[in-house]
PDB file of N, CA and C in Angstrom:
ATOM      1  N   MET A   1       0.854  -1.177   0.000  1.00  0.00           N
ATOM      2  CA  MET A   1       0.000   0.000   0.000  1.00  0.00           C
ATOM      3  C   MET A   1       0.898   1.238   0.000  1.00  0.00           C
ATOM      4  N   SER A   2       0.538   2.226  -0.813  1.00  0.00           N
ATOM      5  CA  SER A   2       1.332   3.457  -0.864  1.00  0.00           C
ATOM      6  C   SER A   2       0.533   4.614  -0.277  1.00  0.00           C
ATOM      7  N   VAL A   3       1.231   5.727  -0.047  1.00  0.00           N
ATOM      8  CA  VAL A   3       0.573   6.933   0.436  1.00  0.00           C
ATOM      9  C   VAL A   3      -0.247   7.501  -0.720  1.00  0.00           C
ATOM     10  N   ARG A   4      -1.517   7.812  -0.448  1.00  0.00           N
ATOM     11  CA  ARG A   4      -2.403   8.353  -1.483  1.00  0.00           C
ATOM     12  C   ARG A   4      -2.827   9.763  -1.088  1.00  0.00           C
ATOM     13  N   PRO A   5      -2.075  10.784  -1.486  1.00  0.00           N
ATOM     14  CA  PRO A   5      -2.420  12.149  -1.076  1.00  0.00           C
ATOM     15  C   PRO A   5      -3.603  12.702  -1.861  1.00  0.00           C
ATOM     16  N   ASP A   6      -4.359  13.582  -1.222  1.00  0.00           N
ATOM     17  CA  ASP A   6      -5.454  14.312  -1.836  1.00  0.00           C
ATOM     18  C   ASP A   6      -5.220  15.790  -1.544  1.00  0.00           C
ATOM     19  N   PRO A   7      -4.339  16.456  -2.329  1.00  0.00           N
ATOM     20  CA  PRO A   7      -4.014  17.857  -2.042  1.00  0.00           C
ATOM     21  C   PRO A   7      -5.094  18.804  -2.556  1.00  0.00           C
ATOM     22  N   ARG A   8      -5.329  19.876  -1.806  1.00  0.00           N
ATOM     23  CA  ARG A   8      -6.256  20.935  -2.207  1.00  0.00           C
ATOM     24  C   ARG A   8      -5.627  22.259  -1.808  1.00  0.00           C
ATOM     25  N   ALA A   9      -5.828  23.277  -2.637  1.00  0.00           N
ATOM     26  CA  ALA A   9      -5.239  24.581  -2.326  1.00  0.00           C
ATOM     27  C   ALA A   9      -6.135  25.700  -2.828  1.00  0.00           C
ATOM     28  N   HIS A  10      -6.048  26.812  -2.137  1.00  0.00           N
ATOM     29  CA  HIS A  10      -6.710  28.047  -2.564  1.00  0.00           C
ATOM     30  C   HIS A  10      -5.601  29.067  -2.750  1.00  0.00           C
ATOM     31  N   ARG A  11      -5.443  29.561  -3.958  1.00  0.00           N
ATOM     32  CA  ARG A  11      -4.348  30.490  -4.249  1.00  0.00           C
ATOM     33  C   ARG A  11      -4.868  31.911  -4.375  1.00  0.00           C
ATOM     34  N   TRP A  12      -4.163  32.824  -3.740  1.00  0.00           N
ATOM     35  CA  TRP A  12      -4.408  34.254  -3.893  1.00  0.00           C
ATOM     36  C   TRP A  12      -3.210  34.832  -4.613  1.00  0.00           C
ATOM     37  N   THR A  13      -3.458  35.524  -5.707  1.00  0.00           N
ATOM     38  CA  THR A  13      -2.379  36.169  -6.447  1.00  0.00           C
ATOM     39  C   THR A  13      -2.474  37.662  -6.232  1.00  0.00           C
ATOM     40  N   GLY A  14      -1.395  38.227  -5.750  1.00  0.00           N
ATOM     41  CA  GLY A  14      -1.352  39.658  -5.483  1.00  0.00           C
ATOM     42  C   GLY A  14      -1.056  40.442  -6.744  1.00  0.00           C
ATOM     43  N   PRO A  15      -0.984  41.746  -6.619  1.00  0.00           N
ATOM     44  CA  PRO A  15      -0.702  42.581  -7.790  1.00  0.00           C
ATOM     45  C   PRO A  15       0.709  42.339  -8.304  1.00  0.00           C
ATOM     46  N   ALA A  16       0.851  42.415  -9.606  1.00  0.00           N
ATOM     47  CA  ALA A  16       2.166  42.269 -10.230  1.00  0.00           C
ATOM     48  C   ALA A  16       2.762  43.644 -10.467  1.00  0.00           C
ATOM     49  N   THR A  17       4.069  43.735 -10.334  1.00  0.00           N
ATOM     50  CA  THR A  17       4.813  44.946 -10.651  1.00  0.00           C
ATOM     51  C   THR A  17       5.860  44.537 -11.672  1.00  0.00           C
ATOM     52  N   GLY A  18       5.626  44.888 -12.909  1.00  0.00           N
ATOM     53  CA  GLY A  18       6.532  44.432 -13.960  1.00  0.00           C
ATOM     54  C   GLY A  18       6.469  42.914 -14.036  1.00  0.00           C
ATOM     55  N   ASP A  19       7.613  42.272 -13.871  1.00  0.00           N
ATOM     56  CA  ASP A  19       7.690  40.813 -13.929  1.00  0.00           C
ATOM     57  C   ASP A  19       7.675  40.163 -12.552  1.00  0.00           C
ATOM     58  N   ILE A  20       7.393  40.936 -11.491  1.00  0.00           N
ATOM     59  CA  ILE A  20       7.388  40.419 -10.121  1.00  0.00           C
ATOM     60  C   ILE A  20       5.942  40.246  -9.657  1.00  0.00           C
ATOM     61  N   VAL A  21       5.640  39.104  -9.042  1.00  0.00           N
ATOM     62  CA  VAL A  21       4.299  38.846  -8.523  1.00  0.00           C
ATOM     63  C   VAL A  21       4.408  38.138  -7.170  1.00  0.00           C
ATOM     64  N   ALA A  22       3.463  38.439  -6.290  1.00  0.00           N
ATOM     65  CA  ALA A  22       3.380  37.763  -4.986  1.00  0.00           C
ATOM     66  C   ALA A  22       2.164  36.849  -5.013  1.00  0.00           C
ATOM     67  N   TRP A  23       2.283  35.710  -4.331  1.00  0.00           N
ATOM     68  CA  TRP A  23       1.106  34.877  -4.168  1.00  0.00           C
ATOM     69  C   TRP A  23       1.157  34.158  -2.850  1.00  0.00           C
ATOM     70  N   ALA A  24      -0.006  33.671  -2.429  1.00  0.00           N
ATOM     71  CA  ALA A  24      -0.128  32.904  -1.190  1.00  0.00           C
ATOM     72  C   ALA A  24      -1.036  31.714  -1.465  1.00  0.00           C
ATOM     73  N   ASP A  25      -0.748  30.620  -0.814  1.00  0.00           N
ATOM     74  CA  ASP A  25      -1.564  29.406  -0.920  1.00  0.00           C
ATOM     75  C   ASP A  25      -1.994  28.975   0.463  1.00  0.00           C
ATOM     76  N   GLU A  26      -3.275  28.702   0.634  1.00  0.00           N
ATOM     77  CA  GLU A  26      -3.779  28.021   1.828  1.00  0.00           C
ATOM     78  C   GLU A  26      -4.016  26.594   1.364  1.00  0.00           C
ATOM     79  N   TRP A  27      -3.330  25.625   1.978  1.00  0.00           N
ATOM     80  CA  TRP A  27      -3.369  24.259   1.461  1.00  0.00           C
ATOM     81  C   TRP A  27      -3.765  23.244   2.524  1.00  0.00           C
ATOM     82  N   ILE A  28      -4.316  22.159   2.032  1.00  0.00           N
ATOM     83  CA  ILE A  28      -4.709  21.010   2.860  1.00  0.00           C
ATOM     84  C   ILE A  28      -4.288  19.761   2.114  1.00  0.00           C
ATOM     85  N   ILE A  29      -3.662  18.840   2.802  1.00  0.00           N
ATOM     86  CA  ILE A  29      -3.336  17.538   2.223  1.00  0.00           C
ATOM     87  C   ILE A  29      -3.874  16.466   3.156  1.00  0.00           C
ATOM     88  N   LYS A  30      -4.703  15.609   2.610  1.00  0.00           N
ATOM     89  CA  LYS A  30      -5.193  14.445   3.342  1.00  0.00           C
ATOM     90  C   LYS A  30      -4.616  13.233   2.632  1.00  0.00           C
ATOM     91  N   ALA A  31      -4.112  12.297   3.403  1.00  0.00           N
ATOM     92  CA  ALA A  31      -3.483  11.121   2.815  1.00  0.00           C
ATOM     93  C   ALA A  31      -3.670   9.923   3.739  1.00  0.00           C
ATOM     94  N   THR A  32      -3.381   8.774   3.204  1.00  0.00           N
ATOM     95  CA  THR A  32      -3.386   7.537   3.983  1.00  0.00           C
ATOM     96  C   THR A  32      -1.981   6.958   3.915  1.00  0.00           C
ATOM     97  N   SER A  33      -1.376   6.711   5.064  1.00  0.00           N
ATOM     98  CA  SER A  33      -0.020   6.167   5.103  1.00  0.00           C
ATOM     99  C   SER A  33      -0.052   4.689   4.722  1.00  0.00           C
ATOM    100  N   PRO A  34       1.102   4.103   4.435  1.00  0.00           N
ATOM    101  CA  PRO A  34       1.144   2.688   4.066  1.00  0.00           C
ATOM    102  C   PRO A  34       0.519   1.758   5.109  1.00  0.00           C
ATOM    103  N   ASP A  35       0.550   2.159   6.390  1.00  0.00           N
ATOM    104  CA  ASP A  35      -0.050   1.297   7.411  1.00  0.00           C
ATOM    105  C   ASP A  35      -1.535   1.585   7.633  1.00  0.00           C
ATOM    106  N   GLY A  36      -2.129   2.487   6.816  1.00  0.00           N
ATOM    107  CA  GLY A  36      -3.552   2.786   6.914  1.00  0.00           C
ATOM    108  C   GLY A  36      -3.897   3.971   7.799  1.00  0.00           C
ATOM    109  N   THR A  37      -2.904   4.604   8.404  1.00  0.00           N
ATOM    110  CA  THR A  37      -3.145   5.757   9.263  1.00  0.00           C
ATOM    111  C   THR A  37      -3.523   6.968   8.422  1.00  0.00           C
ATOM    112  N   ALA A  38      -4.588   7.661   8.826  1.00  0.00           N
ATOM    113  CA  ALA A  38      -4.999   8.881   8.127  1.00  0.00           C
ATOM    114  C   ALA A  38      -4.069  10.027   8.499  1.00  0.00           C
ATOM    115  N   LEU A  39      -3.641  10.795   7.508  1.00  0.00           N
ATOM    116  CA  LEU A  39      -2.777  11.952   7.715  1.00  0.00           C
ATOM    117  C   LEU A  39      -3.526  13.192   7.251  1.00  0.00           C
ATOM    118  N   ASP A  40      -3.592  14.213   8.095  1.00  0.00           N
ATOM    119  CA  ASP A  40      -4.193  15.497   7.743  1.00  0.00           C
ATOM    120  C   ASP A  40      -3.174  16.588   8.032  1.00  0.00           C
ATOM    121  N   MET A  41      -2.782  17.320   6.975  1.00  0.00           N
ATOM    122  CA  MET A  41      -1.824  18.410   7.124  1.00  0.00           C
ATOM    123  C   MET A  41      -2.414  19.647   6.459  1.00  0.00           C
ATOM    124  N   SER A  42      -2.095  20.830   6.996  1.00  0.00           N
ATOM    125  CA  SER A  42      -2.564  22.056   6.371  1.00  0.00           C
ATOM    126  C   SER A  42      -1.608  23.187   6.720  1.00  0.00           C
ATOM    127  N   GLY A  43      -1.691  24.256   5.943  1.00  0.00           N
ATOM    128  CA  GLY A  43      -0.843  25.407   6.209  1.00  0.00           C
ATOM    129  C   GLY A  43      -1.078  26.512   5.204  1.00  0.00           C
ATOM    130  N   VAL A  44      -0.280  27.537   5.324  1.00  0.00           N
ATOM    131  CA  VAL A  44      -0.310  28.669   4.401  1.00  0.00           C
ATOM    132  C   VAL A  44       1.124  28.934   3.965  1.00  0.00           C
ATOM    133  N   SER A  45       1.317  29.153   2.684  1.00  0.00           N
ATOM    134  CA  SER A  45       2.647  29.510   2.179  1.00  0.00           C
ATOM    135  C   SER A  45       2.535  30.829   1.427  1.00  0.00           C
ATOM    136  N   SER A  46       3.632  31.544   1.331  1.00  0.00           N
ATOM    137  CA  SER A  46       3.660  32.792   0.564  1.00  0.00           C
ATOM    138  C   SER A  46       4.954  32.842  -0.241  1.00  0.00           C
ATOM    139  N   ASP A  47       4.865  33.418  -1.426  1.00  0.00           N
ATOM    140  CA  ASP A  47       6.004  33.425  -2.334  1.00  0.00           C
ATOM    141  C   ASP A  47       6.055  34.717  -3.142  1.00  0.00           C
ATOM    142  N   VAL A  48       7.241  35.043  -3.612  1.00  0.00           N
ATOM    143  CA  VAL A  48       7.445  36.139  -4.556  1.00  0.00           C
ATOM    144  C   VAL A  48       8.180  35.530  -5.748  1.00  0.00           C
ATOM    145  N   LEU A  49       7.643  35.760  -6.953  1.00  0.00           N
ATOM    146  CA  LEU A  49       8.208  35.166  -8.157  1.00  0.00           C
ATOM    147  C   LEU A  49       8.532  36.220  -9.203  1.00  0.00           C
ATOM    148  N   ARG A  50       9.416  35.861 -10.121  1.00  0.00           N
ATOM    149  CA  ARG A  50       9.745  36.712 -11.269  1.00  0.00           C
ATOM    150  C   ARG A  50       9.445  35.920 -12.536  1.00  0.00           C
ATOM    151  N   ARG A  51       8.764  36.585 -13.476  1.00  0.00           N
ATOM    152  CA  ARG A  51       8.494  35.946 -14.761  1.00  0.00           C
ATOM    153  C   ARG A  51       9.730  36.037 -15.639  1.00  0.00           C
ATOM    154  N   ARG A  52      10.102  34.928 -16.223  1.00  0.00           N
ATOM    155  CA  ARG A  52      11.247  34.874 -17.132  1.00  0.00           C
ATOM    156  C   ARG A  52      10.798  35.247 -18.546  1.00  0.00           C
ATOM    157  N   PRO A  53      11.742  35.564 -19.423  1.00  0.00           N
ATOM    158  CA  PRO A  53      11.382  35.911 -20.809  1.00  0.00           C
ATOM    159  C   PRO A  53      10.597  34.811 -21.528  1.00  0.00           C
ATOM    160  N   ASP A  54      10.800  33.533 -21.147  1.00  0.00           N
ATOM    161  CA  ASP A  54      10.081  32.448 -21.816  1.00  0.00           C
ATOM    162  C   ASP A  54       8.684  32.198 -21.220  1.00  0.00           C
ATOM    163  N   GLY A  55       8.266  33.037 -20.230  1.00  0.00           N
ATOM    164  CA  GLY A  55       6.933  32.924 -19.651  1.00  0.00           C
ATOM    165  C   GLY A  55       6.855  32.077 -18.391  1.00  0.00           C
ATOM    166  N   THR A  56       7.924  31.343 -18.073  1.00  0.00           N
ATOM    167  CA  THR A  56       7.945  30.576 -16.831  1.00  0.00           C
ATOM    168  C   THR A  56       8.303  31.507 -15.676  1.00  0.00           C
ATOM    169  N   HIS A  57       8.157  31.020 -14.463  1.00  0.00           N
ATOM    170  CA  HIS A  57       8.460  31.831 -13.279  1.00  0.00           C
ATOM    171  C   HIS A  57       9.573  31.189 -12.460  1.00  0.00           C
ATOM    172  N   ILE A  58      10.326  32.031 -11.755  1.00  0.00           N
ATOM    173  CA  ILE A  58      11.364  31.569 -10.843  1.00  0.00           C
ATOM    174  C   ILE A  58      11.081  32.182  -9.470  1.00  0.00           C
ATOM    175  N   TYR A  59      11.266  31.377  -8.421  1.00  0.00           N
ATOM    176  CA  TYR A  59      11.048  31.863  -7.056  1.00  0.00           C
ATOM    177  C   TYR A  59      12.162  32.810  -6.640  1.00  0.00           C
ATOM    178  N   LEU A  60      11.785  33.978  -6.137  1.00  0.00           N
ATOM    179  CA  LEU A  60      12.747  34.892  -5.527  1.00  0.00           C
ATOM    180  C   LEU A  60      12.715  34.724  -4.018  1.00  0.00           C
ATOM    181  N   VAL A  61      11.511  34.551  -3.458  1.00  0.00           N
ATOM    182  CA  VAL A  61      11.318  34.317  -2.028  1.00  0.00           C
ATOM    183  C   VAL A  61      10.318  33.187  -1.892  1.00  0.00           C
ATOM    184  N   ASP A  62      10.672  32.158  -1.141  1.00  0.00           N
ATOM    185  CA  ASP A  62       9.782  31.023  -0.892  1.00  0.00           C
ATOM    186  C   ASP A  62       9.602  30.891   0.610  1.00  0.00           C
ATOM    187  N   ASN A  63       8.405  31.121   1.088  1.00  0.00           N
ATOM    188  CA  ASN A  63       8.101  30.980   2.506  1.00  0.00           C
ATOM    189  C   ASN A  63       7.057  29.871   2.634  1.00  0.00           C
ATOM    190  N   PRO A  64       7.495  28.596   2.674  1.00  0.00           N
ATOM    191  CA  PRO A  64       6.550  27.470   2.654  1.00  0.00           C
ATOM    192  C   PRO A  64       5.710  27.327   3.901  1.00  0.00           C
ATOM    193  N   THR A  65       6.111  27.958   4.987  1.00  0.00           N
ATOM    194  CA  THR A  65       5.335  27.860   6.227  1.00  0.00           C
ATOM    195  C   THR A  65       5.037  29.257   6.751  1.00  0.00           C
ATOM    196  N   ALA A  66       4.408  30.063   5.906  1.00  0.00           N
ATOM    197  CA  ALA A  66       4.088  31.441   6.299  1.00  0.00           C
ATOM    198  C   ALA A  66       3.389  31.450   7.655  1.00  0.00           C
ATOM    199  N   THR A  67       3.759  32.370   8.492  1.00  0.00           N
ATOM    200  CA  THR A  67       3.177  32.437   9.826  1.00  0.00           C
ATOM    201  C   THR A  67       2.014  33.398   9.851  1.00  0.00           C
ATOM    202  N   GLY A  68       1.214  33.309  10.883  1.00  0.00           N
ATOM    203  CA  GLY A  68       0.062  34.179  11.049  1.00  0.00           C
ATOM    204  C   GLY A  68      -1.213  33.361  11.099  1.00  0.00           C
ATOM    205  N   THR A  69      -2.309  34.043  11.324  1.00  0.00           N
ATOM    206  CA  THR A  69      -3.582  33.339  11.462  1.00  0.00           C
ATOM    207  C   THR A  69      -4.585  33.727  10.393  1.00  0.00           C
ATOM    208  N   ALA A  70      -4.189  34.521   9.407  1.00  0.00           N
ATOM    209  CA  ALA A  70      -5.115  34.940   8.364  1.00  0.00           C
ATOM    210  C   ALA A  70      -5.478  33.767   7.474  1.00  0.00           C
ATOM    211  N   THR A  71      -6.715  33.770   6.984  1.00  0.00           N
ATOM    212  CA  THR A  71      -7.135  32.773   5.997  1.00  0.00           C
ATOM    213  C   THR A  71      -7.445  33.492   4.708  1.00  0.00           C
ATOM    214  N   LEU A  72      -7.373  32.778   3.625  1.00  0.00           N
ATOM    215  CA  LEU A  72      -7.623  33.344   2.300  1.00  0.00           C
ATOM    216  C   LEU A  72      -9.073  33.090   1.939  1.00  0.00           C
ATOM    217  N   ASP A  73      -9.848  34.124   1.850  1.00  0.00           N
ATOM    218  CA  ASP A  73     -11.275  33.986   1.510  1.00  0.00           C
ATOM    219  C   ASP A  73     -11.572  34.544   0.146  1.00  0.00           C
TER     220      ASP A  73
END
């Protein structure tokens, strides 16, 4: 038996300035471990990215465990 994650996220995209954009994700992951134990994880992350000339983005700031109690509505 393998871990079967069920990820869900709500993304907020902030205003862009030129090629720079900020975003935040409120995420939830529910999974079942190999031994059948239910796993529930959640959090909020925030990031600042730059758009490259080819249209892809690169992380400038990655805060995977953003602190605070705000929720994204």
